[in-house]
């Protein structure tokens, strides 16, 4: 079906949502825009779907939500009555239409006699993961687009372990979604009847308290926090998202009483009106927190993204200014603190495992192996870490210690099976207090890490290519790199090529090949003769291709210089191929 047929079907649909109908009428005559709205169904990938809100098959709206929920309902029905009775937990964030989309999903599931638990108000993504496990539900849905711009929303699906579905189940679910041929014929139940029959149950405070109580158990020094927590001054901003109440509740009930919330960013706001982007990876997101930090004399600044699965940290550097830590730096600091203190307290197991993604800094590997821990690389996406936690919990081979990714996602306690900024906020605060008691800032602690293990530096570039043509150009770029594999980058020879699509690792010098024991993914990684590396990965949720870089040198100056050259060399090669 081409875009004109989809457009015609929508234009002629009886009872079309009034707002969508008006937006559709505004597009008439603009074939370029109409094609973009209708040339395909919004892609339902292994993590769900994400896109701009608006009319059409390639947009987030109540009908594409119904189609996705209908696919999930058919998937659940295939698993039998027990799965239907176990049901689905639904949460949503502060974005435009999130409550409406969550309810549409609930009513679609209700038409299939599937039990639904829906949060009464917005909640963080990690609490959804926790709730799935706590209620022993069969699946979970969270309506969110993470830190994307205001015009976006999304639909993420979780399995019964509380993790995003791994490739096998996700592909089966995707097939069910794709089997829904007409989003306008999807049936929905009556909300009042669902509530009367208890098929739709509203959840809230009881789950909040259970989540908070479980997360308090992750502290290594609860007595220190209870006695001295007020000595650490914390400025926190939820960036207009879902984290305000859960983070402040957890910090304060644990003993951190000197917490200052950035008031102009405290309330949910789908426009994220005080920031250019609600992304704690970006310096600008901390502008208001920095101002509040200076006023309060804060030791650390904490920011979370709208659905509270990512967290950014800024701490005072040598010049007294607040300097944002990278995701890799925060992860390495948390890892070293957790492992060193667990070891000192006799809590570090012999079979401990730390998990990180293939584009996360190798500093974590150096730290973990120094404490006798096994390190496992996974593909990008926390679902792969969650999948491994489930496997190791079942077979007992490893004891989970920490999981993280460079994009500001961390997991300390496996009561949640996705990255969790709420629990990370507590661990970072405890760590900062511990270092403060030792006379150090977090930047002092980071410098100690570098002096011990080497100066690791990483960076990320991306290239956005929107529309049909953009997708084709991204695919062509990866194809060219595979058809004409590079043998060097600048003056450095490439020694290893890892192709996660063919699942092969090639030793360039002798052509020897090894299998990569990870799921298929359209990713290429190159390791250079000096140990530096770079990785090319198309985004699974945005129309862009990402380039990751990592180096390690004896001095900071050498590392900065090496990273600069590596990025330039890759940029030249990419522009030759595009």
Protein backbone atom coordinates (compact mmCIF):
# COMPACT_ATOMS: atom_id res chain seq x y z
CA UNK A 1 0.00 0.00 0.00
CA UNK A 2 1.56 3.32 -1.05
CA UNK A 3 1.25 6.58 0.84
CA UNK A 4 -1.62 7.88 -1.32
CA UNK A 5 -3.77 4.87 -0.45
CA UNK A 6 -3.08 5.34 3.27
CA UNK A 7 -3.87 9.05 2.98
CA UNK A 8 -7.13 8.30 1.13
CA UNK A 9 -8.11 5.76 3.78
CA UNK A 10 -7.53 8.30 6.53
CA UNK A 11 -9.24 11.13 4.67
CA UNK A 12 -12.36 9.03 4.19
CA UNK A 13 -12.41 7.45 7.66
CA UNK A 14 -15.71 8.03 9.41
CA UNK A 15 -15.51 9.34 12.97
CA UNK A 16 -11.89 10.40 12.67
CA UNK A 17 -10.62 12.23 15.74
CA UNK A 18 -11.54 15.91 15.31
CA UNK A 19 -8.06 17.30 16.02
CA UNK A 20 -6.42 14.81 13.68
CA UNK A 21 -8.96 15.60 10.98
CA UNK A 22 -8.18 19.32 11.22
CA UNK A 23 -4.42 18.67 11.11
CA UNK A 24 -4.91 16.41 8.09
CA UNK A 25 -6.82 19.13 6.24
CA UNK A 26 -3.90 21.53 6.79
CA UNK A 27 -1.61 19.09 4.97
CA UNK A 28 -3.71 18.96 1.80
CA UNK A 29 -1.76 19.99 -1.26
CA UNK A 30 1.65 19.42 0.36
CA UNK A 31 2.64 16.08 -1.16
CA UNK A 32 6.09 16.02 0.45
CA UNK A 33 4.64 16.29 3.94
CA UNK A 34 1.76 13.94 3.18
CA UNK A 35 4.18 11.31 1.95
CA UNK A 36 6.21 11.58 5.17
CA UNK A 37 3.03 11.16 7.26
CA UNK A 38 1.76 8.16 5.28
CA UNK A 39 4.55 6.36 3.41
CA UNK A 40 4.78 3.64 6.06
CA UNK A 41 3.46 2.59 9.43
CA UNK A 42 5.45 4.07 12.30
CA UNK A 43 8.06 1.39 12.76
CA UNK A 44 7.43 -0.96 15.66
CA UNK A 45 10.92 -2.16 16.52
CA UNK A 46 12.41 -4.34 19.23
CA UNK A 47 11.91 -1.57 21.80
CA UNK A 48 8.47 -0.45 20.64
CA UNK A 49 7.84 2.67 18.58
CA UNK A 50 8.60 6.37 18.77
CA UNK A 51 7.74 9.25 16.50
CA UNK A 52 6.23 12.68 16.06
CA UNK A 53 2.64 13.22 17.19
CA UNK A 54 0.17 13.89 14.39
CA UNK A 55 -2.16 12.36 11.79
CA UNK A 56 -1.10 9.45 9.62
CA UNK A 57 0.32 5.96 9.74
CA UNK A 58 3.84 7.28 10.31
CA UNK A 59 2.88 9.35 13.35
CA UNK A 60 1.99 8.83 16.99
CA UNK A 61 -1.79 9.13 17.45
CA UNK A 62 -4.63 7.24 19.07
CA UNK A 63 -5.01 4.95 16.04
CA UNK A 64 -1.37 3.92 15.76
CA UNK A 65 -1.44 3.35 19.54
CA UNK A 66 -4.49 1.11 19.12
CA UNK A 67 -2.71 -0.82 16.38
CA UNK A 68 0.32 -1.41 18.61
CA UNK A 69 -1.84 -2.38 21.60
CA UNK A 70 -3.92 -4.69 19.40
CA UNK A 71 -0.73 -6.46 18.34
CA UNK A 72 0.27 -6.87 21.98
CA UNK A 73 -3.22 -8.16 22.83
CA UNK A 74 -2.97 -10.83 20.10
CA UNK A 75 0.50 -11.77 21.38
CA UNK A 76 -0.86 -12.15 24.92
CA UNK A 77 -3.86 -14.19 23.76
CA UNK A 78 -1.47 -16.59 22.06
CA UNK A 79 0.08 -17.23 25.47
CA UNK A 80 -3.22 -18.30 26.97
CA UNK A 81 -5.63 -17.46 29.78
CA UNK A 82 -2.92 -17.20 32.46
CA UNK A 83 -1.18 -14.47 30.48
CA UNK A 84 -4.47 -12.59 30.04
CA UNK A 85 -5.20 -12.82 33.77
CA UNK A 86 -1.66 -11.76 34.74
CA UNK A 87 -2.26 -8.74 32.55
CA UNK A 88 -0.40 -5.58 31.61
CA UNK A 89 0.83 -2.62 33.66
CA UNK A 90 0.69 0.78 31.94
CA UNK A 91 2.59 3.94 32.87
CA UNK A 92 3.00 7.26 31.09
CA UNK A 93 5.17 10.38 31.29
CA UNK A 94 4.61 14.14 31.05
CA UNK A 95 4.47 14.43 27.25
CA UNK A 96 1.64 15.65 25.04
CA UNK A 97 -1.15 13.05 24.80
CA UNK A 98 0.60 10.57 27.13
CA UNK A 99 -2.44 10.01 29.43
CA UNK A 100 -4.73 9.69 26.39
CA UNK A 101 -2.42 7.20 24.67
CA UNK A 102 -2.07 5.15 27.85
CA UNK A 103 -5.86 4.90 28.16
CA UNK A 104 -6.26 3.98 24.47
CA UNK A 105 -3.84 1.09 25.04
CA UNK A 106 -5.73 0.01 28.15
CA UNK A 107 -9.12 -0.01 26.39
CA UNK A 108 -7.71 -1.92 23.43
CA UNK A 109 -6.35 -4.61 25.76
CA UNK A 110 -9.66 -4.62 27.62
CA UNK A 111 -11.49 -5.56 24.43
CA UNK A 112 -9.51 -8.82 24.60
CA UNK A 113 -10.44 -9.43 28.25
CA UNK A 114 -6.87 -8.73 29.38
CA UNK A 115 -6.32 -7.48 32.93
CA UNK A 116 -4.90 -3.95 32.99
CA UNK A 117 -3.21 -1.98 35.76
CA UNK A 118 -2.79 1.70 34.94
CA UNK A 119 -0.99 4.32 37.03
CA UNK A 120 -3.27 7.13 38.17
CA UNK A 121 -0.72 9.78 37.18
CA UNK A 122 2.60 10.07 35.42
CA UNK A 123 5.35 7.75 36.72
CA UNK A 124 8.99 7.02 35.81
CA UNK A 125 9.81 4.27 33.34
CA UNK A 126 11.85 2.31 35.93
CA UNK A 127 8.85 2.24 38.28
CA UNK A 128 6.87 0.64 35.45
CA UNK A 129 9.58 -2.04 35.22
CA UNK A 130 9.40 -2.52 38.98
CA UNK A 131 5.58 -2.70 38.94
CA UNK A 132 5.53 -5.43 36.29
CA UNK A 133 7.69 -7.59 38.55
CA UNK A 134 5.88 -6.60 41.76
CA UNK A 135 2.43 -7.43 40.34
CA UNK A 136 3.73 -10.49 38.47
CA UNK A 137 2.15 -9.13 35.30
CA UNK A 138 2.73 -10.66 31.88
CA UNK A 139 3.80 -7.39 30.24
CA UNK A 140 4.15 -3.66 30.67
CA UNK A 141 3.69 -0.56 28.54
CA UNK A 142 5.15 2.88 29.09
CA UNK A 143 4.08 5.82 26.95
CA UNK A 144 7.18 7.98 26.61
CA UNK A 145 9.68 9.39 24.14
CA UNK A 146 12.43 9.73 26.74
CA UNK A 147 14.40 12.93 26.06
CA UNK A 148 13.24 13.52 22.48
CA UNK A 149 11.83 16.94 21.48
CA UNK A 150 8.30 17.95 22.64
CA UNK A 151 6.62 16.92 19.38
CA UNK A 152 7.54 13.26 19.98
CA UNK A 153 5.95 10.45 21.95
CA UNK A 154 6.42 6.70 22.08
CA UNK A 155 5.18 3.28 23.14
CA UNK A 156 7.59 0.86 24.86
CA UNK A 157 6.76 -2.74 25.75
CA UNK A 158 8.18 -4.73 28.66
CA UNK A 159 8.16 -8.47 29.30
CA UNK A 160 7.16 -10.35 32.44
CA UNK A 161 10.67 -9.99 33.92
CA UNK A 162 10.28 -6.19 33.85
CA UNK A 163 12.81 -5.78 31.05
CA UNK A 164 12.29 -4.57 27.52
CA UNK A 165 11.62 -7.56 25.32
CA UNK A 166 14.76 -9.21 23.87
CA UNK A 167 14.93 -9.96 20.11
CA UNK A 168 13.04 -13.31 20.07
CA UNK A 169 9.84 -12.26 21.87
CA UNK A 170 10.11 -8.75 20.39
CA UNK A 171 10.11 -10.12 16.85
CA UNK A 172 7.06 -12.28 17.63
CA UNK A 173 5.31 -9.19 18.99
CA UNK A 174 6.33 -7.14 15.97
CA UNK A 175 4.76 -9.76 13.69
CA UNK A 176 1.50 -9.47 15.62
CA UNK A 177 1.51 -5.67 15.30
CA UNK A 178 2.19 -5.91 11.57
CA UNK A 179 -0.73 -8.35 11.21
CA UNK A 180 -3.13 -5.54 12.18
CA UNK A 181 -4.06 -4.33 8.72
CA UNK A 182 -6.48 -1.54 9.58
CA UNK A 183 -6.04 0.62 12.67
CA UNK A 184 -9.59 1.98 12.30
CA UNK A 185 -11.21 -1.42 12.86
CA UNK A 186 -9.45 -2.10 16.19
CA UNK A 187 -12.08 -2.57 18.91
CA UNK A 188 -11.85 -0.86 22.29
CA UNK A 189 -13.65 -1.59 25.55
CA UNK A 190 -15.74 0.84 27.61
CA UNK A 191 -13.64 2.43 30.37
CA UNK A 192 -16.42 2.48 32.98
CA UNK A 193 -17.34 -1.14 32.34
CA UNK A 194 -13.70 -2.18 32.63
CA UNK A 195 -13.40 -0.40 35.97
CA UNK A 196 -16.69 -1.84 37.24
CA UNK A 197 -15.57 -5.38 36.42
CA UNK A 198 -12.10 -4.71 37.90
CA UNK A 199 -10.58 -5.50 34.54
CA UNK A 200 -9.03 -2.03 34.75
CA UNK A 201 -7.36 -1.27 38.09
CA UNK A 202 -5.82 2.08 38.94
CA UNK A 203 -2.55 1.87 40.88
CA UNK A 204 -0.41 4.52 42.54
CA UNK A 205 0.76 5.20 46.10
CA UNK A 206 1.07 1.59 47.26
CA UNK A 207 3.40 0.89 44.36
CA UNK A 208 5.34 4.11 45.03
CA UNK A 209 6.02 3.09 48.62
CA UNK A 210 7.04 -0.47 47.69
CA UNK A 211 9.44 0.87 45.04
CA UNK A 212 10.89 3.42 47.47
CA UNK A 213 11.36 0.82 50.22
CA UNK A 214 13.13 -1.63 47.92
CA UNK A 215 15.46 1.04 46.53
CA UNK A 216 16.55 2.10 50.03
CA UNK A 217 18.16 -1.33 50.42
CA UNK A 218 20.84 -0.52 47.80
CA UNK A 219 22.75 1.77 50.18
CA UNK A 220 26.08 0.39 51.40
CA UNK A 221 26.32 2.86 54.29
CA UNK A 222 22.74 3.61 55.41
CA UNK A 223 23.90 4.65 58.90
CA UNK A 224 26.32 7.19 57.43
CA UNK A 225 23.56 8.63 55.26
CA UNK A 226 21.06 8.81 58.11
CA UNK A 227 23.56 10.56 60.39
CA UNK A 228 25.41 12.78 57.89
CA UNK A 229 23.18 13.01 54.80
CA UNK A 230 22.27 16.60 55.59
CA UNK A 231 25.93 17.61 55.17
CA UNK A 232 25.76 16.98 51.43
CA UNK A 233 24.03 19.80 49.57
CA UNK A 234 22.20 18.52 46.47
CA UNK A 235 20.47 20.49 43.72
CA UNK A 236 18.06 18.36 41.70
CA UNK A 237 16.08 19.05 38.53
CA UNK A 238 13.60 16.60 36.95
CA UNK A 239 13.64 18.74 33.76
CA UNK A 240 9.82 18.95 33.74
CA UNK A 241 9.47 15.16 33.79
CA UNK A 242 8.38 12.35 36.09
CA UNK A 243 11.24 12.16 38.61
CA UNK A 244 10.51 15.00 41.04
CA UNK A 245 8.47 13.10 43.62
CA UNK A 246 10.20 9.67 43.44
CA UNK A 247 13.74 11.08 43.59
CA UNK A 248 13.12 13.60 46.38
CA UNK A 249 11.15 10.99 48.34
CA UNK A 250 13.95 8.42 48.06
CA UNK A 251 16.71 10.88 48.95
CA UNK A 252 14.88 12.36 51.91
CA UNK A 253 13.62 9.08 53.40
CA UNK A 254 17.17 7.75 53.13
CA UNK A 255 18.63 10.71 55.03
CA UNK A 256 19.56 13.31 52.42
CA UNK A 257 17.66 16.25 53.86
CA UNK A 258 19.61 19.04 52.16
CA UNK A 259 17.97 18.64 48.74
CA UNK A 260 16.99 21.70 46.67
CA UNK A 261 14.69 21.20 43.69
CA UNK A 262 14.99 23.64 40.76
CA UNK A 263 11.53 25.15 41.12
CA UNK A 264 11.10 26.44 37.56
CA UNK A 265 11.69 22.88 36.29
CA UNK A 266 9.89 20.96 39.05
CA UNK A 267 6.44 20.63 37.49
CA UNK A 268 5.61 18.44 34.48
CA UNK A 269 5.60 20.43 31.25
CA UNK A 270 5.20 18.70 27.85
CA UNK A 271 6.89 21.65 26.14
CA UNK A 272 9.96 21.46 28.42
CA UNK A 273 9.77 25.22 28.23
CA UNK A 274 12.88 26.15 30.22
CA UNK A 275 15.36 23.99 28.29
CA UNK A 276 16.40 23.62 24.69
CA UNK A 277 16.36 19.84 25.18
CA UNK A 278 15.32 17.85 28.30
CA UNK A 279 18.44 15.73 28.01
CA UNK A 280 20.79 15.46 31.02
CA UNK A 281 23.62 14.57 28.64
CA UNK A 282 23.72 18.19 27.46
CA UNK A 283 25.42 21.09 29.24
CA UNK A 284 22.53 23.51 28.61
CA UNK A 285 20.12 21.28 30.51
CA UNK A 286 22.07 22.19 33.66
CA UNK A 287 21.87 25.98 33.31
CA UNK A 288 19.11 26.44 35.89
CA UNK A 289 20.64 23.82 38.18
CA UNK A 290 24.01 25.61 38.06
CA UNK A 291 22.39 28.87 39.10
CA UNK A 292 20.60 27.13 41.97
CA UNK A 293 23.81 25.32 42.89
CA UNK A 294 25.73 28.57 43.23
CA UNK A 295 22.95 30.03 45.38
CA UNK A 296 22.74 27.01 47.67
CA UNK A 297 26.45 26.16 47.71
CA UNK A 298 25.62 22.68 46.43
CA UNK A 299 28.15 19.86 46.29
CA UNK A 300 26.50 18.11 43.35
CA UNK A 301 23.84 18.80 40.73
CA UNK A 302 21.53 16.01 39.55
CA UNK A 303 19.30 16.08 36.46
CA UNK A 304 17.01 13.36 35.13
CA UNK A 305 15.33 13.04 31.75
CA UNK A 306 11.51 13.15 31.35
CA UNK A 307 10.87 9.45 31.99
CA UNK A 308 13.61 9.21 34.66
CA UNK A 309 15.66 6.40 33.22
CA UNK A 310 18.73 8.60 32.51
CA UNK A 311 20.65 10.77 34.94
CA UNK A 312 23.32 13.42 34.58
CA UNK A 313 25.66 14.63 37.32
CA UNK A 314 27.66 17.84 37.67
CA UNK A 315 30.16 18.49 40.46
CA UNK A 316 32.61 21.23 41.33
CA UNK A 317 35.93 20.98 39.51
CA UNK A 318 39.30 22.44 40.56
CA UNK A 319 38.27 25.96 39.52
CA UNK A 320 35.12 25.76 41.63
CA UNK A 321 32.75 25.63 38.67
CA UNK A 322 30.19 22.88 38.14
CA UNK A 323 31.44 20.50 35.47
CA UNK A 324 29.19 17.88 33.90
CA UNK A 325 30.46 14.32 34.12
CA UNK A 326 30.04 12.16 31.04
CA UNK A 327 27.97 9.00 31.21
CA UNK A 328 31.16 6.95 31.07
CA UNK A 329 32.76 8.94 33.90
CA UNK A 330 29.72 8.70 36.19
CA UNK A 331 29.46 4.98 35.45
CA UNK A 332 33.13 4.33 36.25
CA UNK A 333 32.90 6.30 39.51
CA UNK A 334 29.77 4.45 40.63
CA UNK A 335 31.30 1.12 39.67
CA UNK A 336 34.54 1.74 41.58
CA UNK A 337 32.63 2.93 44.65
CA UNK A 338 30.25 -0.03 44.66
CA UNK A 339 32.95 -2.65 44.12
CA UNK A 340 35.50 -1.18 46.52
CA UNK A 341 32.99 -0.75 49.33
CA UNK A 342 31.35 -4.14 48.76
CA UNK A 343 34.81 -5.68 48.91
CA UNK A 344 35.65 -3.81 52.12
CA UNK A 345 32.33 -4.90 53.67
CA UNK A 346 32.79 -8.52 52.56
CA UNK A 347 29.84 -8.30 50.16
CA UNK A 348 31.66 -8.82 46.86
CA UNK A 349 30.97 -12.29 45.45
CA UNK A 350 33.50 -14.46 43.59
CA UNK A 351 31.10 -14.81 40.66
CA UNK A 352 30.18 -11.15 40.31
CA UNK A 353 29.48 -9.73 36.88
CA UNK A 354 29.44 -6.20 35.51
CA UNK A 355 27.67 -5.47 32.23
CA UNK A 356 28.18 -2.63 29.81
CA UNK A 357 27.44 -2.01 26.16
CA UNK A 358 29.88 -2.33 23.26
CA UNK A 359 30.08 1.48 22.95
CA UNK A 360 30.71 2.10 26.65
CA UNK A 361 34.18 3.07 27.91
CA UNK A 362 36.77 0.38 28.54
CA UNK A 363 37.60 2.11 31.84
CA UNK A 364 34.78 0.12 33.40
CA UNK A 365 36.41 -3.12 32.30
CA UNK A 366 39.73 -2.08 33.83
CA UNK A 367 38.07 -1.21 37.15
CA UNK A 368 35.87 -4.31 37.35
CA UNK A 369 38.64 -6.75 36.46
CA UNK A 370 40.88 -5.13 39.08
CA UNK A 371 38.28 -6.25 41.65
CA UNK A 372 38.10 -9.76 40.19
CA UNK A 373 34.77 -9.24 38.47
CA UNK A 374 33.76 -10.64 35.10
CA UNK A 375 32.83 -8.02 32.48
CA UNK A 376 30.30 -8.73 29.74
CA UNK A 377 29.66 -6.51 26.73
CA UNK A 378 26.15 -6.36 25.30
CA UNK A 379 24.63 -4.62 22.32
CA UNK A 380 23.45 -1.05 22.81
CA UNK A 381 20.09 -1.01 24.55
CA UNK A 382 19.43 -1.84 28.19
CA UNK A 383 17.12 -4.69 27.20
CA UNK A 384 20.20 -6.79 26.53
CA UNK A 385 21.52 -6.17 30.05
CA UNK A 386 18.07 -7.02 31.45
CA UNK A 387 17.98 -10.22 29.39
CA UNK A 388 21.34 -11.34 30.81
CA UNK A 389 20.28 -10.56 34.39
CA UNK A 390 17.28 -12.86 33.86
CA UNK A 391 19.52 -15.61 32.45
CA UNK A 392 22.07 -15.41 35.27
CA UNK A 393 19.33 -15.29 37.90
CA UNK A 394 17.97 -18.52 36.44
CA UNK A 395 21.19 -20.48 35.96
CA UNK A 396 23.15 -19.03 38.89
CA UNK A 397 26.38 -18.62 36.92
CA UNK A 398 26.90 -14.97 37.85
CA UNK A 399 25.79 -12.51 40.50
CA UNK A 400 24.79 -9.13 39.04
CA UNK A 401 26.79 -6.21 40.43
CA UNK A 402 26.22 -3.27 38.09
CA UNK A 403 25.02 -2.49 34.59
CA UNK A 404 25.50 0.70 32.61
CA UNK A 405 25.77 2.38 29.24
CA UNK A 406 27.54 5.53 28.06
CA UNK A 407 24.23 7.29 27.40
CA UNK A 408 23.68 8.03 31.11
CA UNK A 409 21.83 4.83 32.03
CA UNK A 410 22.67 2.84 35.19
CA UNK A 411 21.28 -0.05 37.21
CA UNK A 412 22.39 -0.96 40.72
CA UNK A 413 19.58 -3.20 41.98
CA UNK A 414 17.95 -5.78 39.75
CA UNK A 415 14.53 -5.27 41.36
CA UNK A 416 14.25 -3.07 38.26
CA UNK A 417 15.25 -4.45 34.85
CA UNK A 418 15.86 -1.22 32.99
CA UNK A 419 18.14 1.74 33.60
CA UNK A 420 16.92 3.62 36.64
CA UNK A 421 17.75 7.26 37.37
CA UNK A 422 15.89 7.10 40.69
CA UNK A 423 18.13 4.48 42.25
CA UNK A 424 21.17 6.01 40.53
CA UNK A 425 20.40 9.35 42.21
CA UNK A 426 20.63 7.65 45.60
CA UNK A 427 23.89 5.83 44.83
CA UNK A 428 25.51 8.97 43.38
CA UNK A 429 24.50 10.94 46.47
CA UNK A 430 25.84 8.28 48.83
CA UNK A 431 29.07 8.13 46.83
CA UNK A 432 29.45 11.91 46.85
CA UNK A 433 28.91 12.01 50.63
CA UNK A 434 31.45 9.24 51.17
CA UNK A 435 34.06 11.05 49.06
CA UNK A 436 33.27 14.35 50.80
CA UNK A 437 33.96 12.70 54.14
CA UNK A 438 37.32 11.64 52.69
CA UNK A 439 38.04 15.22 51.62
CA UNK A 440 37.40 14.67 47.91
CA UNK A 441 35.02 15.96 45.27
CA UNK A 442 33.75 13.62 42.55
CA UNK A 443 36.23 15.22 40.16
CA UNK A 444 39.05 14.42 42.60
CA UNK A 445 37.85 10.81 42.68
CA UNK A 446 37.72 10.70 38.87
CA UNK A 447 41.29 12.00 38.62
CA UNK A 448 42.38 9.22 41.00
CA UNK A 449 40.73 6.69 38.69
CA UNK A 450 42.58 8.06 35.66
CA UNK A 451 45.90 8.05 37.49
CA UNK A 452 45.33 4.42 38.46
CA UNK A 453 43.98 3.00 35.20
CA UNK A 454 44.97 5.46 32.45
CA UNK A 455 43.27 8.45 30.86
CA UNK A 456 40.24 7.12 29.03
CA UNK A 457 38.40 9.60 26.83
CA UNK A 458 35.29 9.01 24.76
CA UNK A 459 32.98 11.03 22.54
CA UNK A 460 29.93 10.72 20.34
CA UNK A 461 29.04 12.35 17.02
CA UNK A 462 25.84 11.93 15.06
CA UNK A 463 24.46 12.76 11.65
CA UNK A 464 20.71 13.35 11.26
CA UNK A 465 19.15 12.43 7.91
CA UNK A 466 15.35 12.78 7.98
CA UNK A 467 12.69 11.33 5.70
CA UNK A 468 12.72 8.52 3.15
CA UNK A 469 15.90 9.78 1.52
CA UNK A 470 17.65 10.01 4.88
CA UNK A 471 16.95 6.39 5.74
CA UNK A 472 18.24 5.31 2.34
CA UNK A 473 21.45 7.34 2.79
CA UNK A 474 22.09 5.79 6.22
CA UNK A 475 21.62 2.30 4.79
CA UNK A 476 23.92 3.13 1.87
CA UNK A 477 26.61 4.42 4.25
CA UNK A 478 26.75 1.16 6.22
CA UNK A 479 26.68 -0.83 2.99
CA UNK A 480 29.72 1.04 1.65
CA UNK A 481 31.68 0.44 4.84
CA UNK A 482 30.94 -3.28 4.50
CA UNK A 483 31.71 -3.50 0.79
CA UNK A 484 34.94 -1.49 1.12
CA UNK A 485 36.18 -2.16 4.66
CA UNK A 486 38.83 0.37 5.73
CA UNK A 487 42.28 -0.88 6.72
CA UNK A 488 43.33 2.27 8.54
CA UNK A 489 42.05 5.49 10.07
CA UNK A 490 44.49 8.33 9.53
CA UNK A 491 47.96 7.02 10.36
CA UNK A 492 46.68 4.16 12.55
CA UNK A 493 46.10 0.66 11.19
CA UNK A 494 42.81 -1.07 11.94
CA UNK A 495 43.55 -4.40 13.63
CA UNK A 496 40.03 -5.70 14.33
CA UNK A 497 36.70 -5.23 12.55
CA UNK A 498 33.56 -6.30 14.38
CA UNK A 499 30.41 -6.61 12.26
CA UNK A 500 27.42 -7.24 14.47
CA UNK A 501 25.17 -7.85 11.47
CA UNK A 502 27.23 -10.81 10.23
CA UNK A 503 28.21 -11.59 13.85
CA UNK A 504 31.87 -11.85 12.83
CA UNK A 505 35.05 -10.44 14.34
CA UNK A 506 37.83 -10.19 11.73
CA UNK A 507 41.53 -9.90 12.54
CA UNK A 508 42.64 -7.65 9.71
CA UNK A 509 46.31 -8.72 9.62
CA UNK A 510 45.69 -12.42 8.91
CA UNK A 511 41.97 -12.50 8.01
CA UNK A 512 41.15 -14.82 10.93
CA UNK A 513 37.46 -14.69 11.88
CA UNK A 514 35.67 -15.32 15.17
CA UNK A 515 31.98 -15.54 15.98
CA UNK A 516 30.42 -12.72 18.01
CA UNK A 517 28.01 -14.27 20.50
CA UNK A 518 25.52 -11.40 20.43
CA UNK A 519 22.22 -10.85 18.58
CA UNK A 520 22.28 -9.50 15.03
CA UNK A 521 22.50 -5.72 14.86
CA UNK A 522 23.41 -3.25 12.11
CA UNK A 523 26.57 -2.04 13.84
CA UNK A 524 30.25 -1.85 12.83
CA UNK A 525 33.14 -1.42 15.26
CA UNK A 526 36.81 -0.84 14.48
CA UNK A 527 39.73 -1.37 16.87
CA UNK A 528 43.00 0.37 15.99
CA UNK A 529 46.57 -0.72 16.64
CA UNK A 530 46.92 1.57 19.68
CA UNK A 531 43.75 0.22 21.30
CA UNK A 532 41.59 3.18 20.25
CA UNK A 533 38.21 2.27 18.79
CA UNK A 534 35.26 3.70 16.91
CA UNK A 535 31.80 2.39 16.21
CA UNK A 536 29.10 3.18 13.62
CA UNK A 537 25.50 2.58 14.68
CA UNK A 538 22.24 3.77 13.13
CA UNK A 539 19.83 4.90 15.84
CA UNK A 540 16.92 2.58 16.48
CA UNK A 541 14.58 5.41 17.52
CA UNK A 542 15.68 8.51 15.57
CA UNK A 543 16.55 9.29 11.92
CA UNK A 544 20.27 9.49 12.58
CA UNK A 545 23.49 7.52 12.50
CA UNK A 546 25.77 7.67 15.54
CA UNK A 547 29.56 7.49 15.72
CA UNK A 548 31.22 6.47 18.98
CA UNK A 549 34.91 6.95 19.82
CA UNK A 550 37.22 5.81 22.61
CA UNK A 551 40.93 6.17 23.42
CA UNK A 552 43.26 5.54 26.39
CA UNK A 553 46.59 7.27 26.94
CA UNK A 554 49.06 7.87 29.78
CA UNK A 555 48.25 11.56 30.11
CA UNK A 556 45.10 13.63 29.73
CA UNK A 557 46.71 15.80 27.05
CA UNK A 558 47.66 12.75 24.97
CA UNK A 559 44.15 11.32 25.32
CA UNK A 560 42.46 14.56 24.23
CA UNK A 561 44.75 14.86 21.22
CA UNK A 562 44.29 11.23 20.19
CA UNK A 563 40.50 11.54 20.45
CA UNK A 564 40.53 14.69 18.31
CA UNK A 565 42.52 12.97 15.55
CA UNK A 566 40.36 9.84 15.67
CA UNK A 567 37.15 11.85 15.24
CA UNK A 568 38.59 13.88 12.37
CA UNK A 569 39.85 10.79 10.56
CA UNK A 570 36.45 9.08 10.83
CA UNK A 571 34.63 12.25 9.73
CA UNK A 572 36.73 12.44 6.56
CA UNK A 573 36.03 8.82 5.73
CA UNK A 574 32.28 9.16 6.35
CA UNK A 575 31.97 12.21 4.11
CA UNK A 576 33.75 10.33 1.34
CA UNK A 577 31.04 7.65 1.57
CA UNK A 578 27.92 9.80 2.01
